[in-house]
């Protein structure tokens, strides 16, 4: 199952990048609840979000449940067509409008990842596509 491959790759250390707006972003991942789920904590400047990734027993799909410090709530799925490449789609809502995202991770090296934001609507406003290079420090 590629979900486990994804978890084993991202768990451990701190992943960081600088986004197109010049803000530092940071991610930490950990297995929780007897390795049934992964908790992902994401910080961008003063904002933060929590995501929980796991296999939904009702659908058998890799499912993402997310919440952020601005009150947004979203849900999505993860898929992987080949090793070292993971794609995600999620949608949800904030007080200011709908949100949706289509994005992808590509493993470049053991501690280096290319993150591609392909389509992103935040609070009802379309955001520009972006490619980020993430590096892990252990």
Protein backbone atom coordinates (compact mmCIF):
# COMPACT_ATOMS: atom_id res chain seq x y z
CA UNK A 1 0.00 0.00 0.00
CA UNK A 2 1.47 3.33 -1.08
CA UNK A 3 -0.02 5.07 1.98
CA UNK A 4 2.54 3.27 4.18
CA UNK A 5 5.33 4.14 1.72
CA UNK A 6 4.26 7.81 1.94
CA UNK A 7 4.21 7.71 5.74
CA UNK A 8 7.58 6.00 6.02
CA UNK A 9 9.08 8.64 3.72
CA UNK A 10 7.65 11.76 5.40
CA UNK A 11 7.82 10.71 9.05
CA UNK A 12 10.84 11.85 11.01
CA UNK A 13 12.60 15.17 11.21
CA UNK A 14 11.32 18.53 10.06
CA UNK A 15 10.55 19.36 6.42
CA UNK A 16 10.97 23.04 5.40
CA UNK A 17 10.66 25.28 2.37
CA UNK A 18 10.16 28.93 1.48
CA UNK A 19 6.99 29.53 -0.53
CA UNK A 20 6.48 31.91 -3.47
CA UNK A 21 5.40 34.68 -1.06
CA UNK A 22 8.70 34.38 0.84
CA UNK A 23 7.17 32.70 3.92
CA UNK A 24 8.90 29.77 5.58
CA UNK A 25 6.79 26.62 5.78
CA UNK A 26 7.42 23.68 8.09
CA UNK A 27 5.91 20.17 8.30
CA UNK A 28 6.24 17.43 10.91
CA UNK A 29 4.65 13.98 10.53
CA UNK A 30 4.14 11.21 13.08
CA UNK A 31 2.38 7.85 13.25
CA UNK A 32 -0.46 7.87 15.81
CA UNK A 33 -3.01 5.40 17.21
CA UNK A 34 -0.96 2.21 16.78
CA UNK A 35 0.26 3.31 13.32
CA UNK A 36 -3.32 3.47 12.00
CA UNK A 37 -3.09 7.18 11.16
CA UNK A 38 -0.52 9.88 10.46
CA UNK A 39 -0.74 13.30 12.07
CA UNK A 40 0.74 16.06 9.92
CA UNK A 41 1.36 19.48 11.53
CA UNK A 42 1.97 22.31 9.04
CA UNK A 43 3.08 25.85 9.91
CA UNK A 44 3.25 28.80 7.51
CA UNK A 45 4.23 32.00 9.30
CA UNK A 46 1.69 32.52 12.11
CA UNK A 47 -0.85 30.12 10.53
CA UNK A 48 -0.97 26.41 11.19
CA UNK A 49 -2.97 23.36 10.23
CA UNK A 50 -3.44 19.79 11.33
CA UNK A 51 -4.12 16.92 8.97
CA UNK A 52 -4.88 13.32 9.74
CA UNK A 53 -4.19 10.74 7.05
CA UNK A 54 -5.43 7.16 7.16
CA UNK A 55 -7.32 4.44 5.36
CA UNK A 56 -11.07 5.04 5.75
CA UNK A 57 -12.58 1.62 6.57
CA UNK A 58 -15.88 2.61 4.91
CA UNK A 59 -14.25 3.20 1.50
CA UNK A 60 -10.81 1.56 1.72
CA UNK A 61 -9.37 4.86 0.41
CA UNK A 62 -6.46 6.89 1.73
CA UNK A 63 -8.40 9.74 3.31
CA UNK A 64 -7.26 13.15 4.56
CA UNK A 65 -9.11 15.11 7.24
CA UNK A 66 -7.83 18.66 7.83
CA UNK A 67 -8.39 21.74 10.01
CA UNK A 68 -6.53 25.03 10.22
CA UNK A 69 -6.01 27.98 12.54
CA UNK A 70 -8.35 30.15 10.42
CA UNK A 71 -11.29 27.78 11.02
CA UNK A 72 -11.16 26.02 7.65
CA UNK A 73 -12.26 22.38 7.52
CA UNK A 74 -11.56 20.05 4.60
CA UNK A 75 -11.50 16.42 3.54
CA UNK A 76 -9.82 14.68 0.64
CA UNK A 77 -8.11 11.61 -0.74
CA UNK A 78 -4.57 10.59 -1.56
CA UNK A 79 -3.54 8.27 -4.39
CA UNK A 80 -0.29 6.97 -5.81
CA UNK A 81 0.10 5.62 -9.34
CA UNK A 82 3.78 4.81 -8.81
CA UNK A 83 6.39 4.60 -6.08
CA UNK A 84 7.70 7.94 -4.83
CA UNK A 85 4.84 9.99 -6.29
CA UNK A 86 1.67 10.92 -4.39
CA UNK A 87 -1.30 13.03 -5.51
CA UNK A 88 -4.00 14.57 -3.36
CA UNK A 89 -7.35 16.28 -3.81
CA UNK A 90 -9.23 17.97 -0.99
CA UNK A 91 -12.10 20.38 -0.60
CA UNK A 92 -13.79 22.15 2.24
CA UNK A 93 -15.09 25.40 3.62
CA UNK A 94 -14.12 28.45 5.61
CA UNK A 95 -16.15 31.37 6.93
CA UNK A 96 -14.98 33.28 3.84
CA UNK A 97 -15.87 30.77 1.14
CA UNK A 98 -15.06 27.40 -0.36
CA UNK A 99 -11.62 25.90 -0.64
CA UNK A 100 -10.21 23.13 -2.80
CA UNK A 101 -6.77 21.93 -3.73
CA UNK A 102 -5.14 19.50 -6.14
CA UNK A 103 -1.49 18.88 -5.36
CA UNK A 104 1.30 16.35 -5.68
CA UNK A 105 4.55 15.24 -3.99
CA UNK A 106 7.48 13.73 -5.87
CA UNK A 107 10.34 12.13 -3.93
CA UNK A 108 13.62 13.50 -5.28
CA UNK A 109 15.97 12.04 -2.65
CA UNK A 110 15.67 10.57 0.87
CA UNK A 111 15.41 14.09 2.36
CA UNK A 112 14.22 16.15 -0.62
CA UNK A 113 10.73 16.48 -2.12
CA UNK A 114 9.13 18.49 -4.93
CA UNK A 115 5.65 19.73 -3.94
CA UNK A 116 3.44 20.90 -6.81
CA UNK A 117 0.31 22.94 -6.09
CA UNK A 118 -1.63 22.44 -9.33
CA UNK A 119 -5.02 24.00 -8.51
CA UNK A 120 -5.82 25.93 -5.35
CA UNK A 121 -8.90 27.89 -4.30
CA UNK A 122 -8.64 29.48 -0.86
CA UNK A 123 -11.60 31.28 0.72
CA UNK A 124 -13.27 31.36 -2.70
CA UNK A 125 -10.25 32.94 -4.45
CA UNK A 126 -8.11 31.13 -7.02
CA UNK A 127 -4.42 31.05 -6.06
CA UNK A 128 -1.54 30.75 -8.56
CA UNK A 129 0.05 27.33 -9.15
CA UNK A 130 3.35 26.88 -7.35
CA UNK A 131 6.24 24.41 -7.12
CA UNK A 132 8.19 24.16 -3.89
CA UNK A 133 11.33 22.22 -3.01
CA UNK A 134 11.19 20.79 0.50
CA UNK A 135 14.21 19.57 2.48
CA UNK A 136 14.26 17.53 5.67
CA UNK A 137 16.52 18.10 8.66
CA UNK A 138 16.68 15.30 11.18
